[in-house]
Amino acid sequence: MNPTAPTISELIAQERRLTLPHFGYDDAYALGGLLVSLARERHAPVAIDIRRGAQQLFHAALPGSSADNDAWIDRKRKVVERYGESSYLVGTRFRAKGTTFDDASRLNPGTYAAHGGSFPISVEGAGVIGSVTVSGLPQAEDHALVVEALERFATAISD
């Protein structure tokens, strides 16, 4: 998997398209299991985190991942929590302005990372209620893995 970098408009369209009708404990487990399956098929050395609000509903660390991936998850997730958009979209917006998130956001890069891999979980009528985050691959691949899983998950729960 070697995705090309999506544009700002493509990233916004992904977020709009991937608004879910509901999201609870069983949904987190199903989405997490799907992400684990996709990552195992690709031998991806990732850690996976799913949260609703402040509560962690799912976490998995696959072979080849490390505690460093958990630290990246925390930093990317904090960007989603602060901006209500994917960490990749936030970073892409800064790059489109000719700068970087680290240089221009005025936020501590030890706490926030606008790198691909964390995506908001949005529910119809409620807005952003949580996040799903992957760390361990290059940022475009982390992001693409999350989007692929959310697309499959959204299709499955709408059938």
N, C-alpha and C. Protein backbone atom coordinates (compact mmCIF):
# COMPACT_ATOMS: atom_id res chain seq x y z
N MET A 1 0.86 -1.17 0.00
CA MET A 1 0.00 0.00 0.00
C MET A 1 0.90 1.23 0.00
N ASN A 2 0.79 2.05 -1.04
CA ASN A 2 1.58 3.26 -1.14
C ASN A 2 0.70 4.37 -1.72
N PRO A 3 -0.19 4.92 -0.89
CA PRO A 3 -1.15 5.90 -1.40
C PRO A 3 -0.49 7.23 -1.73
N THR A 4 -1.09 7.94 -2.68
CA THR A 4 -0.64 9.29 -2.96
C THR A 4 -1.27 10.23 -1.95
N ALA A 5 -0.64 11.35 -1.75
CA ALA A 5 -1.15 12.31 -0.77
C ALA A 5 -2.46 12.92 -1.27
N PRO A 6 -3.52 12.80 -0.49
CA PRO A 6 -4.80 13.38 -0.90
C PRO A 6 -4.77 14.91 -0.76
N THR A 7 -5.62 15.56 -1.52
CA THR A 7 -5.74 17.02 -1.45
C THR A 7 -6.62 17.39 -0.24
N ILE A 8 -6.61 18.68 0.07
CA ILE A 8 -7.46 19.16 1.16
C ILE A 8 -8.92 18.83 0.87
N SER A 9 -9.36 19.07 -0.36
CA SER A 9 -10.77 18.80 -0.68
C SER A 9 -11.09 17.32 -0.58
N GLU A 10 -10.15 16.45 -0.96
CA GLU A 10 -10.37 15.00 -0.83
C GLU A 10 -10.44 14.60 0.64
N LEU A 11 -9.61 15.19 1.47
CA LEU A 11 -9.62 14.88 2.91
C LEU A 11 -10.92 15.33 3.55
N ILE A 12 -11.40 16.50 3.18
CA ILE A 12 -12.68 17.00 3.70
C ILE A 12 -13.81 16.09 3.26
N ALA A 13 -13.79 15.67 1.98
CA ALA A 13 -14.83 14.79 1.46
C ALA A 13 -14.84 13.45 2.21
N GLN A 14 -13.66 12.93 2.55
CA GLN A 14 -13.60 11.68 3.32
C GLN A 14 -14.32 11.85 4.65
N GLU A 15 -14.06 12.94 5.33
CA GLU A 15 -14.68 13.14 6.64
C GLU A 15 -16.19 13.27 6.54
N ARG A 16 -16.66 13.96 5.53
CA ARG A 16 -18.12 14.10 5.35
C ARG A 16 -18.75 12.75 5.02
N ARG A 17 -18.10 12.00 4.14
CA ARG A 17 -18.62 10.71 3.70
C ARG A 17 -18.64 9.68 4.84
N LEU A 18 -17.70 9.80 5.77
CA LEU A 18 -17.55 8.79 6.80
C LEU A 18 -18.20 9.18 8.13
N THR A 19 -19.29 9.92 8.06
CA THR A 19 -20.10 10.19 9.24
C THR A 19 -20.98 8.95 9.45
N LEU A 20 -20.98 8.44 10.66
CA LEU A 20 -21.65 7.18 10.97
C LEU A 20 -23.03 7.41 11.58
N PRO A 21 -23.94 6.44 11.44
CA PRO A 21 -25.27 6.59 12.05
C PRO A 21 -25.24 6.41 13.57
N HIS A 22 -24.24 5.68 14.08
CA HIS A 22 -24.09 5.44 15.52
C HIS A 22 -22.68 4.94 15.77
N PHE A 23 -22.25 4.99 17.03
CA PHE A 23 -20.96 4.42 17.38
C PHE A 23 -20.93 4.15 18.88
N GLY A 24 -20.87 2.86 19.22
CA GLY A 24 -20.83 2.45 20.62
C GLY A 24 -19.72 1.44 20.87
N TYR A 25 -19.78 0.80 22.00
CA TYR A 25 -18.74 -0.16 22.41
C TYR A 25 -18.57 -1.29 21.40
N ASP A 26 -19.67 -1.89 20.99
CA ASP A 26 -19.58 -3.00 20.03
C ASP A 26 -19.05 -2.52 18.69
N ASP A 27 -19.40 -1.30 18.30
CA ASP A 27 -18.88 -0.74 17.05
C ASP A 27 -17.36 -0.55 17.13
N ALA A 28 -16.88 -0.08 18.28
CA ALA A 28 -15.44 0.11 18.46
C ALA A 28 -14.71 -1.22 18.34
N TYR A 29 -15.28 -2.25 18.93
CA TYR A 29 -14.66 -3.57 18.85
C TYR A 29 -14.65 -4.08 17.41
N ALA A 30 -15.75 -3.89 16.69
CA ALA A 30 -15.82 -4.34 15.30
C ALA A 30 -14.85 -3.57 14.41
N LEU A 31 -14.79 -2.25 14.56
CA LEU A 31 -13.87 -1.44 13.77
C LEU A 31 -12.43 -1.79 14.13
N GLY A 32 -12.15 -1.97 15.39
CA GLY A 32 -10.80 -2.35 15.81
C GLY A 32 -10.39 -3.69 15.25
N GLY A 33 -11.30 -4.64 15.28
CA GLY A 33 -11.01 -5.96 14.72
C GLY A 33 -10.76 -5.90 13.23
N LEU A 34 -11.52 -5.07 12.54
CA LEU A 34 -11.31 -4.88 11.11
C LEU A 34 -9.94 -4.28 10.84
N LEU A 35 -9.56 -3.28 11.61
CA LEU A 35 -8.23 -2.67 11.44
C LEU A 35 -7.12 -3.68 11.72
N VAL A 36 -7.28 -4.49 12.74
CA VAL A 36 -6.28 -5.53 13.04
C VAL A 36 -6.18 -6.50 11.88
N SER A 37 -7.31 -6.93 11.34
CA SER A 37 -7.29 -7.87 10.20
C SER A 37 -6.58 -7.27 8.99
N LEU A 38 -6.91 -6.02 8.65
CA LEU A 38 -6.27 -5.37 7.51
C LEU A 38 -4.77 -5.22 7.74
N ALA A 39 -4.39 -4.83 8.94
CA ALA A 39 -2.97 -4.64 9.25
C ALA A 39 -2.23 -5.98 9.21
N ARG A 40 -2.83 -7.03 9.74
CA ARG A 40 -2.18 -8.35 9.71
C ARG A 40 -1.99 -8.85 8.28
N GLU A 41 -3.01 -8.64 7.42
CA GLU A 41 -2.89 -9.05 6.01
C GLU A 41 -1.68 -8.40 5.35
N ARG A 42 -1.37 -7.19 5.78
CA ARG A 42 -0.28 -6.41 5.16
C ARG A 42 1.01 -6.48 5.96
N HIS A 43 1.00 -7.26 7.04
CA HIS A 43 2.16 -7.35 7.93
C HIS A 43 2.60 -5.97 8.39
N ALA A 44 1.61 -5.13 8.69
CA ALA A 44 1.87 -3.74 9.09
C ALA A 44 2.19 -3.70 10.59
N PRO A 45 3.32 -3.13 10.95
CA PRO A 45 3.74 -3.06 12.36
C PRO A 45 3.11 -1.86 13.06
N VAL A 46 1.81 -1.92 13.29
CA VAL A 46 1.08 -0.76 13.80
C VAL A 46 0.49 -0.99 15.19
N ALA A 47 0.20 0.13 15.83
CA ALA A 47 -0.63 0.16 17.02
C ALA A 47 -1.92 0.87 16.62
N ILE A 48 -3.02 0.46 17.23
CA ILE A 48 -4.35 0.95 16.88
C ILE A 48 -5.05 1.41 18.16
N ASP A 49 -5.73 2.54 18.08
CA ASP A 49 -6.42 3.10 19.24
C ASP A 49 -7.77 3.65 18.79
N ILE A 50 -8.82 3.33 19.53
CA ILE A 50 -10.15 3.88 19.25
C ILE A 50 -10.71 4.44 20.54
N ARG A 51 -11.18 5.68 20.47
CA ARG A 51 -11.70 6.36 21.65
C ARG A 51 -13.05 6.98 21.37
N ARG A 52 -13.85 7.01 22.41
CA ARG A 52 -15.08 7.80 22.40
C ARG A 52 -14.93 8.76 23.57
N GLY A 53 -14.81 10.04 23.25
CA GLY A 53 -14.49 11.02 24.29
C GLY A 53 -13.16 10.66 24.90
N ALA A 54 -13.06 10.70 26.20
CA ALA A 54 -11.81 10.40 26.88
C ALA A 54 -11.60 8.91 27.11
N GLN A 55 -12.61 8.08 26.80
CA GLN A 55 -12.50 6.65 27.10
C GLN A 55 -11.91 5.87 25.93
N GLN A 56 -10.88 5.11 26.23
CA GLN A 56 -10.30 4.21 25.24
C GLN A 56 -11.19 2.97 25.16
N LEU A 57 -11.75 2.73 23.97
CA LEU A 57 -12.63 1.58 23.78
C LEU A 57 -11.91 0.39 23.14
N PHE A 58 -10.79 0.66 22.47
CA PHE A 58 -10.06 -0.42 21.79
C PHE A 58 -8.60 -0.01 21.67
N HIS A 59 -7.72 -0.99 21.90
CA HIS A 59 -6.29 -0.79 21.65
C HIS A 59 -5.69 -2.13 21.25
N ALA A 60 -4.82 -2.07 20.24
CA ALA A 60 -4.08 -3.27 19.83
C ALA A 60 -2.70 -2.84 19.38
N ALA A 61 -1.72 -3.65 19.70
CA ALA A 61 -0.35 -3.43 19.25
C ALA A 61 0.08 -4.69 18.51
N LEU A 62 0.43 -4.54 17.24
CA LEU A 62 0.81 -5.68 16.41
C LEU A 62 2.32 -5.84 16.40
N PRO A 63 2.80 -7.03 16.03
CA PRO A 63 4.24 -7.27 16.01
C PRO A 63 4.97 -6.21 15.18
N GLY A 64 6.06 -5.71 15.76
CA GLY A 64 6.85 -4.68 15.10
C GLY A 64 6.54 -3.28 15.60
N SER A 65 5.41 -3.12 16.30
CA SER A 65 5.09 -1.82 16.87
C SER A 65 5.81 -1.69 18.20
N SER A 66 5.81 -0.48 18.75
CA SER A 66 6.50 -0.24 20.02
C SER A 66 5.75 0.81 20.83
N ALA A 67 6.25 1.07 22.02
CA ALA A 67 5.66 2.11 22.86
C ALA A 67 5.74 3.47 22.18
N ASP A 68 6.70 3.66 21.30
CA ASP A 68 6.81 4.91 20.55
C ASP A 68 5.54 5.14 19.71
N ASN A 69 4.97 4.06 19.16
CA ASN A 69 3.73 4.20 18.39
C ASN A 69 2.59 4.68 19.28
N ASP A 70 2.55 4.24 20.53
CA ASP A 70 1.52 4.72 21.45
C ASP A 70 1.68 6.22 21.72
N ALA A 71 2.92 6.68 21.81
CA ALA A 71 3.16 8.12 22.01
C ALA A 71 2.70 8.91 20.79
N TRP A 72 2.99 8.39 19.59
CA TRP A 72 2.51 9.04 18.36
C TRP A 72 0.99 9.05 18.32
N ILE A 73 0.35 7.96 18.72
CA ILE A 73 -1.12 7.90 18.76
C ILE A 73 -1.65 9.03 19.63
N ASP A 74 -1.09 9.19 20.82
CA ASP A 74 -1.55 10.23 21.73
C ASP A 74 -1.43 11.61 21.10
N ARG A 75 -0.30 11.88 20.45
CA ARG A 75 -0.06 13.20 19.87
C ARG A 75 -0.98 13.46 18.66
N LYS A 76 -1.18 12.46 17.82
CA LYS A 76 -2.07 12.62 16.66
C LYS A 76 -3.53 12.76 17.12
N ARG A 77 -3.91 11.96 18.10
CA ARG A 77 -5.29 12.02 18.62
C ARG A 77 -5.60 13.38 19.21
N LYS A 78 -4.64 13.99 19.88
CA LYS A 78 -4.86 15.32 20.47
C LYS A 78 -5.15 16.37 19.41
N VAL A 79 -4.59 16.21 18.21
CA VAL A 79 -4.89 17.12 17.10
C VAL A 79 -6.36 16.96 16.70
N VAL A 80 -6.83 15.72 16.59
CA VAL A 80 -8.24 15.48 16.25
C VAL A 80 -9.14 16.08 17.33
N GLU A 81 -8.80 15.87 18.58
CA GLU A 81 -9.61 16.40 19.67
C GLU A 81 -9.66 17.93 19.65
N ARG A 82 -8.56 18.57 19.31
CA ARG A 82 -8.50 20.03 19.32
C ARG A 82 -9.17 20.65 18.09
N TYR A 83 -8.94 20.06 16.91
CA TYR A 83 -9.42 20.66 15.67
C TYR A 83 -10.71 20.04 15.14
N GLY A 84 -11.07 18.83 15.59
CA GLY A 84 -12.27 18.18 15.10
C GLY A 84 -12.14 17.69 13.67
N GLU A 85 -10.90 17.54 13.20
CA GLU A 85 -10.60 17.08 11.84
C GLU A 85 -9.47 16.07 11.93
N SER A 86 -9.27 15.33 10.84
CA SER A 86 -8.19 14.34 10.84
C SER A 86 -6.84 15.02 11.02
N SER A 87 -5.94 14.32 11.66
CA SER A 87 -4.59 14.86 11.87
C SER A 87 -3.91 15.13 10.54
N TYR A 88 -4.21 14.32 9.53
CA TYR A 88 -3.61 14.50 8.21
C TYR A 88 -4.15 15.78 7.54
N LEU A 89 -5.45 16.03 7.67
CA LEU A 89 -6.03 17.24 7.12
C LEU A 89 -5.43 18.48 7.78
N VAL A 90 -5.30 18.46 9.08
CA VAL A 90 -4.74 19.62 9.79
C VAL A 90 -3.31 19.88 9.32
N GLY A 91 -2.49 18.85 9.25
CA GLY A 91 -1.12 19.03 8.77
C GLY A 91 -1.07 19.48 7.32
N THR A 92 -1.96 18.96 6.49
CA THR A 92 -2.01 19.33 5.07
C THR A 92 -2.39 20.79 4.92
N ARG A 93 -3.31 21.28 5.74
CA ARG A 93 -3.69 22.70 5.68
C ARG A 93 -2.48 23.60 5.96
N PHE A 94 -1.69 23.24 6.96
CA PHE A 94 -0.50 24.04 7.28
C PHE A 94 0.51 23.99 6.13
N ARG A 95 0.73 22.80 5.56
CA ARG A 95 1.67 22.68 4.44
C ARG A 95 1.19 23.48 3.23
N ALA A 96 -0.12 23.52 3.01
CA ALA A 96 -0.66 24.28 1.88
C ALA A 96 -0.41 25.78 2.04
N LYS A 97 -0.22 26.23 3.27
CA LYS A 97 0.08 27.63 3.54
C LYS A 97 1.59 27.91 3.50
N GLY A 98 2.37 26.88 3.15
CA GLY A 98 3.81 27.05 3.05
C GLY A 98 4.54 26.99 4.37
N THR A 99 3.93 26.38 5.36
CA THR A 99 4.56 26.27 6.67
C THR A 99 4.34 24.86 7.21
N THR A 100 4.64 24.64 8.45
CA THR A 100 4.38 23.35 9.08
C THR A 100 3.56 23.57 10.35
N PHE A 101 2.90 22.54 10.76
CA PHE A 101 2.12 22.58 12.00
C PHE A 101 3.05 22.93 13.16
N ASP A 102 4.20 22.26 13.23
CA ASP A 102 5.13 22.50 14.34
C ASP A 102 5.57 23.97 14.40
N ASP A 103 5.82 24.57 13.23
CA ASP A 103 6.30 25.95 13.20
C ASP A 103 5.21 26.99 13.43
N ALA A 104 4.00 26.72 12.96
CA ALA A 104 2.98 27.77 12.94
C ALA A 104 1.81 27.58 13.90
N SER A 105 1.61 26.41 14.46
CA SER A 105 0.41 26.19 15.29
C SER A 105 0.50 26.81 16.67
N ARG A 106 1.70 27.08 17.12
CA ARG A 106 1.95 27.58 18.47
C ARG A 106 1.58 26.56 19.54
N LEU A 107 1.51 25.29 19.14
CA LEU A 107 1.24 24.20 20.08
C LEU A 107 2.51 23.38 20.28
N ASN A 108 2.63 22.76 21.42
CA ASN A 108 3.81 21.98 21.77
C ASN A 108 3.88 20.71 20.91
N PRO A 109 4.93 20.56 20.08
CA PRO A 109 5.05 19.37 19.24
C PRO A 109 5.28 18.09 20.06
N GLY A 110 5.59 18.22 21.32
CA GLY A 110 5.69 17.05 22.18
C GLY A 110 4.32 16.56 22.62
N THR A 111 3.30 17.39 22.42
CA THR A 111 1.93 17.05 22.81
C THR A 111 1.03 16.82 21.60
N TYR A 112 1.29 17.53 20.49
CA TYR A 112 0.46 17.48 19.29
C TYR A 112 1.29 17.10 18.07
N ALA A 113 0.74 16.24 17.22
CA ALA A 113 1.40 15.86 15.96
C ALA A 113 0.37 15.82 14.84
N ALA A 114 0.50 16.75 13.90
CA ALA A 114 -0.43 16.79 12.76
C ALA A 114 0.12 15.94 11.63
N HIS A 115 0.27 14.66 11.91
CA HIS A 115 0.73 13.66 10.94
C HIS A 115 -0.43 12.70 10.71
N GLY A 116 -0.51 12.14 9.53
CA GLY A 116 -1.61 11.26 9.18
C GLY A 116 -1.73 10.05 10.08
N GLY A 117 -2.98 9.66 10.33
CA GLY A 117 -3.24 8.44 11.09
C GLY A 117 -4.34 8.53 12.12
N SER A 118 -4.76 9.74 12.47
CA SER A 118 -5.87 9.87 13.42
C SER A 118 -7.04 10.52 12.69
N PHE A 119 -8.20 9.92 12.83
CA PHE A 119 -9.39 10.34 12.08
C PHE A 119 -10.55 10.51 13.07
N PRO A 120 -11.33 11.57 12.91
CA PRO A 120 -12.46 11.76 13.82
C PRO A 120 -13.56 10.73 13.58
N ILE A 121 -14.15 10.27 14.65
CA ILE A 121 -15.35 9.46 14.56
C ILE A 121 -16.51 10.43 14.72
N SER A 122 -17.24 10.60 13.64
CA SER A 122 -18.39 11.52 13.63
C SER A 122 -19.67 10.72 13.53
N VAL A 123 -20.66 11.15 14.29
CA VAL A 123 -21.97 10.48 14.30
C VAL A 123 -23.02 11.49 13.87
N GLU A 124 -23.91 11.03 12.99
CA GLU A 124 -25.00 11.88 12.49
C GLU A 124 -25.75 12.51 13.67
N GLY A 125 -25.92 13.82 13.60
CA GLY A 125 -26.67 14.53 14.63
C GLY A 125 -25.89 14.83 15.89
N ALA A 126 -24.67 14.30 16.02
CA ALA A 126 -23.87 14.53 17.23
C ALA A 126 -22.53 15.18 16.93
N GLY A 127 -22.02 15.01 15.71
CA GLY A 127 -20.69 15.54 15.38
C GLY A 127 -19.59 14.60 15.81
N VAL A 128 -18.41 15.16 16.05
CA VAL A 128 -17.24 14.36 16.42
C VAL A 128 -17.40 13.88 17.86
N ILE A 129 -17.36 12.55 18.02
CA ILE A 129 -17.52 11.97 19.36
C ILE A 129 -16.30 11.18 19.81
N GLY A 130 -15.33 11.03 18.92
CA GLY A 130 -14.15 10.26 19.26
C GLY A 130 -13.15 10.24 18.13
N SER A 131 -12.26 9.25 18.18
CA SER A 131 -11.22 9.15 17.16
C SER A 131 -10.78 7.70 16.99
N VAL A 132 -10.25 7.44 15.81
CA VAL A 132 -9.60 6.17 15.53
C VAL A 132 -8.22 6.52 14.99
N THR A 133 -7.20 5.89 15.57
CA THR A 133 -5.82 6.27 15.25
C THR A 133 -4.97 5.04 15.00
N VAL A 134 -4.11 5.15 13.99
CA VAL A 134 -3.13 4.12 13.66
C VAL A 134 -1.76 4.77 13.62
N SER A 135 -0.75 4.08 14.13
CA SER A 135 0.63 4.56 14.06
C SER A 135 1.56 3.40 13.78
N GLY A 136 2.51 3.63 12.88
CA GLY A 136 3.53 2.62 12.60
C GLY A 136 3.99 2.61 11.16
N LEU A 137 3.21 3.25 10.28
CA LEU A 137 3.53 3.33 8.85
C LEU A 137 3.81 4.79 8.51
N PRO A 138 4.30 5.07 7.30
CA PRO A 138 4.38 6.46 6.87
C PRO A 138 2.98 7.11 6.97
N GLN A 139 2.95 8.41 7.21
CA GLN A 139 1.67 9.06 7.55
C GLN A 139 0.57 8.87 6.51
N ALA A 140 0.89 8.90 5.23
CA ALA A 140 -0.15 8.70 4.21
C ALA A 140 -0.72 7.29 4.30
N GLU A 141 0.11 6.31 4.65
CA GLU A 141 -0.36 4.93 4.77
C GLU A 141 -1.16 4.73 6.05
N ASP A 142 -0.74 5.35 7.16
CA ASP A 142 -1.55 5.29 8.39
C ASP A 142 -2.94 5.83 8.10
N HIS A 143 -3.00 6.99 7.46
CA HIS A 143 -4.29 7.62 7.15
C HIS A 143 -5.13 6.73 6.23
N ALA A 144 -4.51 6.22 5.17
CA ALA A 144 -5.24 5.40 4.21
C ALA A 144 -5.79 4.13 4.85
N LEU A 145 -5.05 3.54 5.77
CA LEU A 145 -5.51 2.33 6.46
C LEU A 145 -6.76 2.64 7.29
N VAL A 146 -6.73 3.74 8.01
CA VAL A 146 -7.90 4.13 8.81
C VAL A 146 -9.10 4.40 7.91
N VAL A 147 -8.89 5.14 6.83
CA VAL A 147 -10.00 5.46 5.92
C VAL A 147 -10.58 4.20 5.30
N GLU A 148 -9.72 3.28 4.85
CA GLU A 148 -10.21 2.03 4.27
C GLU A 148 -11.07 1.26 5.27
N ALA A 149 -10.60 1.18 6.51
CA ALA A 149 -11.36 0.45 7.53
C ALA A 149 -12.69 1.15 7.81
N LEU A 150 -12.68 2.46 7.93
CA LEU A 150 -13.92 3.19 8.18
C LEU A 150 -14.90 3.04 7.02
N GLU A 151 -14.39 3.04 5.79
CA GLU A 151 -15.28 2.85 4.64
C GLU A 151 -15.95 1.48 4.69
N ARG A 152 -15.17 0.45 4.96
CA ARG A 152 -15.74 -0.90 5.06
C ARG A 152 -16.72 -1.00 6.23
N PHE A 153 -16.34 -0.41 7.35
CA PHE A 153 -17.19 -0.45 8.54
C PHE A 153 -18.50 0.28 8.28
N ALA A 154 -18.43 1.48 7.69
CA ALA A 154 -19.64 2.26 7.41
C ALA A 154 -20.58 1.51 6.49
N THR A 155 -20.03 0.83 5.50
CA THR A 155 -20.84 0.03 4.58
C THR A 155 -21.52 -1.11 5.33
N ALA A 156 -20.77 -1.77 6.19
CA ALA A 156 -21.30 -2.92 6.94
C ALA A 156 -22.43 -2.53 7.88
N ILE A 157 -22.33 -1.38 8.55
CA ILE A 157 -23.37 -1.02 9.51
C ILE A 157 -24.57 -0.35 8.85
N SER A 158 -24.43 0.03 7.57
CA SER A 158 -25.58 0.64 6.91
C SER A 158 -26.39 -0.39 6.12
N ASP A 159 -25.87 -1.61 6.01
CA ASP A 159 -26.60 -2.67 5.27
C ASP A 159 -27.70 -3.27 6.12
